[in-house]
């Protein structure tokens, strides 16, 4: 699974305006792996192995399928421990580390404070396409 993540995996952090939360923002994390639709059975094996997630298909990408985990407890208790046991070795390892830090901040309720939210936004801005490499 780690090899698929280096190629087509995504550690995603979303911060969106939501006045139902103390500091006016909601933080959502998710994990996904995209593949060609012909490999949907392989993606389903990730569900079996991890005991979480689902397969999504979108009309804008009819030849694709995505294994995705949205539920925070599944991300925190299953996805993150998997990558602690089987660490990534490519550039996505940095995104995984930042993602894990964000998850820990959420677990500790720091995302409900302005300071915690600022830290999450900073981590998010440097992940995925926002990451600069030296």
N, C-alpha and C. Protein backbone atom coordinates (compact mmCIF):
# COMPACT_ATOMS: atom_id res chain seq x y z
N UNK A 1 0.83 -1.19 0.00
CA UNK A 1 0.00 0.00 0.00
C UNK A 1 0.87 1.26 0.00
N UNK A 2 1.96 1.23 0.73
CA UNK A 2 2.82 2.42 0.81
C UNK A 2 3.33 2.82 -0.57
N UNK A 3 3.62 1.84 -1.41
CA UNK A 3 4.08 2.14 -2.76
C UNK A 3 3.03 2.87 -3.59
N UNK A 4 1.77 2.49 -3.43
CA UNK A 4 0.69 3.17 -4.13
C UNK A 4 0.57 4.61 -3.66
N UNK A 5 0.79 4.82 -2.38
CA UNK A 5 0.67 6.17 -1.83
C UNK A 5 1.76 7.08 -2.38
N UNK A 6 2.96 6.57 -2.51
CA UNK A 6 4.03 7.39 -3.10
C UNK A 6 3.66 7.83 -4.50
N UNK A 7 2.92 6.99 -5.24
CA UNK A 7 2.54 7.34 -6.60
C UNK A 7 1.26 8.14 -6.70
N UNK A 8 0.19 7.65 -6.09
CA UNK A 8 -1.13 8.25 -6.29
C UNK A 8 -1.90 8.48 -4.99
N UNK A 9 -1.20 8.65 -3.88
CA UNK A 9 -1.85 8.87 -2.60
C UNK A 9 -1.94 10.34 -2.25
N UNK A 10 -2.87 10.66 -1.36
CA UNK A 10 -3.02 12.04 -0.93
C UNK A 10 -3.40 12.11 0.54
N UNK A 11 -2.64 12.88 1.28
CA UNK A 11 -2.95 13.22 2.67
C UNK A 11 -3.55 14.62 2.60
N UNK A 12 -4.84 14.74 2.88
CA UNK A 12 -5.55 15.99 2.61
C UNK A 12 -6.06 16.64 3.90
N UNK A 13 -5.82 17.93 4.02
CA UNK A 13 -6.32 18.73 5.15
C UNK A 13 -7.17 19.85 4.56
N UNK A 14 -8.39 19.96 5.04
CA UNK A 14 -9.29 21.02 4.58
C UNK A 14 -9.67 21.88 5.78
N UNK A 15 -9.54 23.18 5.61
CA UNK A 15 -9.97 24.14 6.62
C UNK A 15 -11.06 24.99 5.98
N UNK A 16 -12.26 24.90 6.53
CA UNK A 16 -13.36 25.65 5.92
C UNK A 16 -14.12 26.46 6.97
N UNK A 17 -14.62 27.58 6.51
CA UNK A 17 -15.39 28.47 7.38
C UNK A 17 -16.64 27.74 7.84
N UNK A 18 -16.87 27.76 9.16
CA UNK A 18 -18.06 27.13 9.72
C UNK A 18 -18.27 27.74 11.10
N UNK A 19 -19.28 28.58 11.21
CA UNK A 19 -19.53 29.30 12.45
C UNK A 19 -20.04 28.42 13.59
N UNK A 20 -20.30 27.15 13.31
CA UNK A 20 -20.72 26.23 14.36
C UNK A 20 -19.56 25.87 15.28
N UNK A 21 -18.34 26.18 14.86
CA UNK A 21 -17.15 25.87 15.64
C UNK A 21 -16.66 27.12 16.38
N UNK A 22 -16.02 26.91 17.51
CA UNK A 22 -15.60 27.99 18.39
C UNK A 22 -14.80 29.09 17.69
N UNK A 23 -13.84 28.70 16.89
CA UNK A 23 -13.01 29.73 16.24
C UNK A 23 -13.49 30.03 14.82
N UNK A 24 -14.66 29.51 14.44
CA UNK A 24 -15.26 29.85 13.15
C UNK A 24 -14.80 29.01 11.97
N UNK A 25 -14.02 27.97 12.23
CA UNK A 25 -13.52 27.11 11.16
C UNK A 25 -13.63 25.64 11.55
N UNK A 26 -13.84 24.80 10.55
CA UNK A 26 -13.86 23.36 10.73
C UNK A 26 -12.63 22.79 10.03
N UNK A 27 -11.97 21.84 10.67
CA UNK A 27 -10.81 21.18 10.08
C UNK A 27 -11.19 19.73 9.79
N UNK A 28 -10.98 19.32 8.54
CA UNK A 28 -11.31 17.98 8.10
C UNK A 28 -10.06 17.36 7.49
N UNK A 29 -9.77 16.12 7.85
CA UNK A 29 -8.66 15.42 7.23
C UNK A 29 -9.18 14.18 6.53
N UNK A 30 -8.53 13.81 5.43
CA UNK A 30 -8.89 12.59 4.73
C UNK A 30 -7.65 12.03 4.04
N UNK A 31 -7.74 10.77 3.71
CA UNK A 31 -6.66 10.06 3.05
C UNK A 31 -7.23 9.36 1.84
N UNK A 32 -6.49 9.36 0.72
CA UNK A 32 -6.99 8.69 -0.48
C UNK A 32 -5.87 8.13 -1.34
N UNK A 33 -6.24 7.13 -2.13
CA UNK A 33 -5.37 6.54 -3.14
C UNK A 33 -6.21 6.40 -4.40
N UNK A 34 -5.74 6.99 -5.50
CA UNK A 34 -6.46 6.90 -6.77
C UNK A 34 -5.76 5.93 -7.71
N UNK A 35 -6.59 5.21 -8.48
CA UNK A 35 -6.09 4.26 -9.47
C UNK A 35 -7.05 4.24 -10.65
N UNK A 36 -6.66 3.60 -11.72
CA UNK A 36 -7.55 3.38 -12.85
C UNK A 36 -8.69 2.49 -12.37
N UNK A 37 -9.87 2.67 -12.94
CA UNK A 37 -11.05 1.91 -12.54
C UNK A 37 -10.84 0.40 -12.68
N UNK A 38 -9.98 -0.02 -13.58
CA UNK A 38 -9.73 -1.47 -13.74
C UNK A 38 -9.10 -2.08 -12.49
N UNK A 39 -8.53 -1.22 -11.62
CA UNK A 39 -7.90 -1.69 -10.38
C UNK A 39 -8.78 -1.50 -9.16
N UNK A 40 -10.09 -1.34 -9.38
CA UNK A 40 -11.01 -1.13 -8.26
C UNK A 40 -10.98 -2.31 -7.28
N UNK A 41 -10.84 -3.53 -7.77
CA UNK A 41 -10.78 -4.69 -6.89
C UNK A 41 -9.57 -4.61 -5.96
N UNK A 42 -8.46 -4.08 -6.48
CA UNK A 42 -7.27 -3.89 -5.65
C UNK A 42 -7.55 -2.87 -4.55
N UNK A 43 -8.20 -1.76 -4.91
CA UNK A 43 -8.54 -0.74 -3.91
C UNK A 43 -9.45 -1.32 -2.84
N UNK A 44 -10.36 -2.20 -3.24
CA UNK A 44 -11.26 -2.84 -2.28
C UNK A 44 -10.49 -3.68 -1.26
N UNK A 45 -9.34 -4.19 -1.67
CA UNK A 45 -8.50 -4.96 -0.73
C UNK A 45 -7.97 -4.07 0.39
N UNK A 46 -7.77 -2.78 0.11
CA UNK A 46 -7.36 -1.85 1.17
C UNK A 46 -8.44 -1.73 2.22
N UNK A 47 -9.69 -1.71 1.79
CA UNK A 47 -10.82 -1.67 2.73
C UNK A 47 -10.80 -2.91 3.61
N UNK A 48 -10.62 -4.07 2.98
CA UNK A 48 -10.58 -5.33 3.73
C UNK A 48 -9.42 -5.35 4.72
N UNK A 49 -8.25 -4.93 4.26
CA UNK A 49 -7.04 -4.97 5.08
C UNK A 49 -7.12 -4.01 6.27
N UNK A 50 -7.56 -2.77 6.00
CA UNK A 50 -7.58 -1.74 7.04
C UNK A 50 -8.86 -1.71 7.85
N UNK A 51 -9.93 -2.28 7.31
CA UNK A 51 -11.21 -2.27 8.01
C UNK A 51 -11.86 -0.90 8.01
N UNK A 52 -11.62 -0.13 6.96
CA UNK A 52 -12.21 1.21 6.88
C UNK A 52 -12.15 1.71 5.45
N UNK A 53 -12.83 2.81 5.21
CA UNK A 53 -12.78 3.47 3.92
C UNK A 53 -13.87 3.03 2.97
N UNK A 54 -13.85 3.63 1.79
CA UNK A 54 -14.81 3.31 0.75
C UNK A 54 -14.17 3.59 -0.61
N UNK A 55 -14.84 3.14 -1.66
CA UNK A 55 -14.40 3.39 -3.03
C UNK A 55 -15.33 4.43 -3.62
N UNK A 56 -14.74 5.46 -4.22
CA UNK A 56 -15.52 6.51 -4.86
C UNK A 56 -15.17 6.57 -6.34
N UNK A 57 -16.18 6.89 -7.13
CA UNK A 57 -15.99 7.17 -8.55
C UNK A 57 -16.68 8.50 -8.82
N UNK A 58 -16.06 9.32 -9.62
CA UNK A 58 -16.65 10.62 -9.94
C UNK A 58 -16.88 10.71 -11.44
N UNK A 59 -17.96 11.38 -11.81
CA UNK A 59 -18.33 11.47 -13.22
C UNK A 59 -17.30 12.23 -14.05
N UNK A 60 -16.55 13.12 -13.43
CA UNK A 60 -15.55 13.89 -14.16
C UNK A 60 -14.30 13.07 -14.48
N UNK A 61 -14.18 11.92 -13.86
CA UNK A 61 -13.04 11.02 -14.11
C UNK A 61 -13.56 9.58 -14.21
N UNK A 62 -14.29 9.26 -15.28
CA UNK A 62 -14.95 7.96 -15.38
C UNK A 62 -14.00 6.76 -15.43
N UNK A 63 -12.74 6.99 -15.77
CA UNK A 63 -11.80 5.87 -15.83
C UNK A 63 -11.05 5.68 -14.51
N UNK A 64 -11.42 6.43 -13.48
CA UNK A 64 -10.72 6.36 -12.21
C UNK A 64 -11.57 5.85 -11.07
N UNK A 65 -10.90 5.38 -10.04
CA UNK A 65 -11.54 4.96 -8.79
C UNK A 65 -10.62 5.38 -7.65
N UNK A 66 -11.21 5.72 -6.53
CA UNK A 66 -10.43 6.22 -5.40
C UNK A 66 -10.84 5.53 -4.11
N UNK A 67 -9.86 5.00 -3.41
CA UNK A 67 -10.05 4.52 -2.04
C UNK A 67 -9.90 5.74 -1.15
N UNK A 68 -10.89 5.98 -0.29
CA UNK A 68 -10.85 7.19 0.53
C UNK A 68 -11.31 6.89 1.96
N UNK A 69 -10.65 7.54 2.91
CA UNK A 69 -11.02 7.43 4.33
C UNK A 69 -11.27 8.84 4.84
N UNK A 70 -12.52 9.09 5.26
CA UNK A 70 -12.90 10.40 5.78
C UNK A 70 -13.04 10.41 7.31
N UNK A 71 -13.45 9.31 7.88
CA UNK A 71 -13.76 9.27 9.31
C UNK A 71 -12.49 9.50 10.14
N UNK A 72 -12.54 10.52 10.99
CA UNK A 72 -11.33 10.90 11.75
C UNK A 72 -10.77 9.73 12.54
N UNK A 73 -11.61 9.01 13.26
CA UNK A 73 -11.10 7.90 14.08
C UNK A 73 -10.41 6.84 13.24
N UNK A 74 -10.90 6.58 12.03
CA UNK A 74 -10.25 5.62 11.16
C UNK A 74 -8.90 6.15 10.67
N UNK A 75 -8.85 7.42 10.34
CA UNK A 75 -7.57 8.01 9.92
C UNK A 75 -6.57 7.95 11.08
N UNK A 76 -7.03 8.33 12.26
CA UNK A 76 -6.14 8.42 13.42
C UNK A 76 -5.72 7.04 13.93
N UNK A 77 -6.67 6.11 13.97
CA UNK A 77 -6.41 4.80 14.58
C UNK A 77 -5.93 3.73 13.60
N UNK A 78 -6.12 3.94 12.29
CA UNK A 78 -5.75 2.90 11.33
C UNK A 78 -4.76 3.38 10.27
N UNK A 79 -5.02 4.52 9.65
CA UNK A 79 -4.16 4.99 8.56
C UNK A 79 -2.81 5.47 9.10
N UNK A 80 -2.83 6.35 10.08
CA UNK A 80 -1.57 6.88 10.62
C UNK A 80 -0.71 5.78 11.22
N UNK A 81 -1.28 4.87 12.03
CA UNK A 81 -0.45 3.77 12.55
C UNK A 81 0.14 2.89 11.45
N UNK A 82 -0.60 2.71 10.34
CA UNK A 82 -0.06 1.93 9.23
C UNK A 82 1.24 2.54 8.72
N UNK A 83 1.24 3.86 8.55
CA UNK A 83 2.43 4.53 8.03
C UNK A 83 3.52 4.71 9.09
N UNK A 84 3.17 4.57 10.35
CA UNK A 84 4.21 4.52 11.38
C UNK A 84 4.92 3.17 11.33
N UNK A 85 4.15 2.13 11.02
CA UNK A 85 4.72 0.78 10.92
C UNK A 85 5.45 0.57 9.59
N UNK A 86 4.88 1.14 8.51
CA UNK A 86 5.45 1.00 7.17
C UNK A 86 5.69 2.39 6.59
N UNK A 87 6.74 3.07 7.02
CA UNK A 87 6.95 4.47 6.63
C UNK A 87 7.19 4.64 5.13
N UNK A 88 6.74 5.78 4.63
CA UNK A 88 7.02 6.16 3.26
C UNK A 88 8.48 6.62 3.18
N UNK A 89 9.08 6.49 2.00
CA UNK A 89 10.48 6.89 1.84
C UNK A 89 10.64 8.01 0.82
N UNK A 90 9.61 8.30 0.07
CA UNK A 90 9.68 9.37 -0.93
C UNK A 90 9.27 10.71 -0.35
N UNK A 91 9.03 11.66 -1.24
CA UNK A 91 8.68 13.01 -0.80
C UNK A 91 7.34 13.06 -0.06
N UNK A 92 6.47 12.08 -0.31
CA UNK A 92 5.17 12.07 0.38
C UNK A 92 5.32 11.78 1.88
N UNK A 93 6.50 11.32 2.28
CA UNK A 93 6.71 11.08 3.71
C UNK A 93 6.58 12.37 4.50
N UNK A 94 6.97 13.50 3.88
CA UNK A 94 6.85 14.80 4.56
C UNK A 94 5.38 15.19 4.71
N UNK A 95 4.57 14.92 3.68
CA UNK A 95 3.14 15.19 3.78
C UNK A 95 2.50 14.30 4.84
N UNK A 96 2.93 13.05 4.89
CA UNK A 96 2.42 12.12 5.90
C UNK A 96 2.75 12.62 7.31
N UNK A 97 3.96 13.10 7.50
CA UNK A 97 4.36 13.62 8.81
C UNK A 97 3.53 14.85 9.20
N UNK A 98 3.33 15.77 8.27
CA UNK A 98 2.52 16.96 8.55
C UNK A 98 1.06 16.57 8.81
N UNK A 99 0.55 15.63 8.03
CA UNK A 99 -0.80 15.13 8.20
C UNK A 99 -0.98 14.53 9.60
N UNK A 100 0.00 13.75 10.02
CA UNK A 100 -0.03 13.15 11.36
C UNK A 100 -0.01 14.21 12.45
N UNK A 101 0.76 15.26 12.25
CA UNK A 101 0.79 16.37 13.21
C UNK A 101 -0.56 17.05 13.29
N UNK A 102 -1.19 17.28 12.14
CA UNK A 102 -2.53 17.90 12.13
C UNK A 102 -3.51 16.99 12.86
N UNK A 103 -3.45 15.69 12.60
CA UNK A 103 -4.36 14.75 13.27
C UNK A 103 -4.17 14.80 14.79
N UNK A 104 -2.94 14.92 15.22
CA UNK A 104 -2.66 15.00 16.67
C UNK A 104 -3.23 16.29 17.25
N UNK A 105 -3.10 17.39 16.51
CA UNK A 105 -3.67 18.66 16.97
C UNK A 105 -5.19 18.56 17.09
N UNK A 106 -5.82 17.89 16.13
CA UNK A 106 -7.27 17.70 16.20
C UNK A 106 -7.63 16.81 17.38
N UNK A 107 -6.91 15.72 17.56
CA UNK A 107 -7.17 14.79 18.66
C UNK A 107 -7.09 15.52 20.01
N UNK A 108 -6.13 16.46 20.12
CA UNK A 108 -5.95 17.20 21.37
C UNK A 108 -6.84 18.45 21.45
N UNK A 109 -7.74 18.61 20.47
CA UNK A 109 -8.70 19.73 20.42
C UNK A 109 -8.03 21.08 20.19
N UNK A 110 -6.77 21.06 19.74
CA UNK A 110 -6.07 22.32 19.46
C UNK A 110 -6.66 23.05 18.26
N UNK A 111 -7.34 22.31 17.39
CA UNK A 111 -7.95 22.94 16.21
C UNK A 111 -9.09 23.88 16.59
N UNK A 112 -9.51 23.82 17.83
CA UNK A 112 -10.59 24.68 18.32
C UNK A 112 -10.07 26.01 18.87
N UNK A 113 -8.76 26.18 18.84
CA UNK A 113 -8.15 27.43 19.31
C UNK A 113 -7.56 28.18 18.13
N UNK A 114 -7.43 29.48 18.24
CA UNK A 114 -6.84 30.27 17.15
C UNK A 114 -5.38 29.88 16.92
N UNK A 115 -4.66 29.62 18.00
CA UNK A 115 -3.25 29.23 17.87
C UNK A 115 -3.12 27.88 17.15
N UNK A 116 -3.96 26.91 17.54
CA UNK A 116 -3.94 25.60 16.89
C UNK A 116 -4.35 25.69 15.43
N UNK A 117 -5.37 26.49 15.16
CA UNK A 117 -5.84 26.67 13.79
C UNK A 117 -4.75 27.30 12.92
N UNK A 118 -4.03 28.26 13.49
CA UNK A 118 -2.92 28.91 12.76
C UNK A 118 -1.84 27.88 12.43
N UNK A 119 -1.52 27.01 13.37
CA UNK A 119 -0.51 25.96 13.16
C UNK A 119 -0.98 25.01 12.06
N UNK A 120 -2.25 24.62 12.08
CA UNK A 120 -2.80 23.71 11.07
C UNK A 120 -2.75 24.36 9.69
N UNK A 121 -3.15 25.63 9.60
CA UNK A 121 -3.12 26.34 8.32
C UNK A 121 -1.70 26.43 7.78
N UNK A 122 -0.73 26.62 8.66
CA UNK A 122 0.66 26.70 8.25
C UNK A 122 1.14 25.35 7.72
N UNK A 123 0.82 24.27 8.42
CA UNK A 123 1.19 22.94 7.96
C UNK A 123 0.53 22.63 6.62
N UNK A 124 -0.76 22.94 6.52
CA UNK A 124 -1.52 22.68 5.30
C UNK A 124 -0.92 23.42 4.10
N UNK A 125 -0.51 24.65 4.31
CA UNK A 125 0.01 25.45 3.20
C UNK A 125 1.30 24.87 2.62
N UNK A 126 2.00 24.08 3.40
CA UNK A 126 3.24 23.49 2.92
C UNK A 126 3.12 22.06 2.46
N UNK A 127 1.90 21.54 2.43
CA UNK A 127 1.70 20.15 2.02
C UNK A 127 1.37 20.06 0.54
N UNK A 128 1.56 18.86 -0.01
CA UNK A 128 1.17 18.50 -1.37
C UNK A 128 1.76 19.49 -2.37
N UNK A 129 0.94 20.15 -3.17
CA UNK A 129 1.46 21.06 -4.19
C UNK A 129 2.08 22.31 -3.59
N UNK A 130 1.80 22.61 -2.32
CA UNK A 130 2.38 23.78 -1.67
C UNK A 130 3.77 23.54 -1.10
N UNK A 131 4.22 22.29 -1.15
CA UNK A 131 5.52 21.96 -0.57
C UNK A 131 6.64 22.47 -1.46
N UNK A 132 7.62 23.09 -0.83
CA UNK A 132 8.82 23.49 -1.57
C UNK A 132 9.93 22.54 -1.16
N UNK A 133 10.76 22.21 -2.10
CA UNK A 133 11.84 21.25 -1.85
C UNK A 133 13.18 21.97 -1.99
N UNK A 134 14.08 21.61 -1.12
CA UNK A 134 15.42 22.21 -1.16
C UNK A 134 16.40 21.27 -1.83
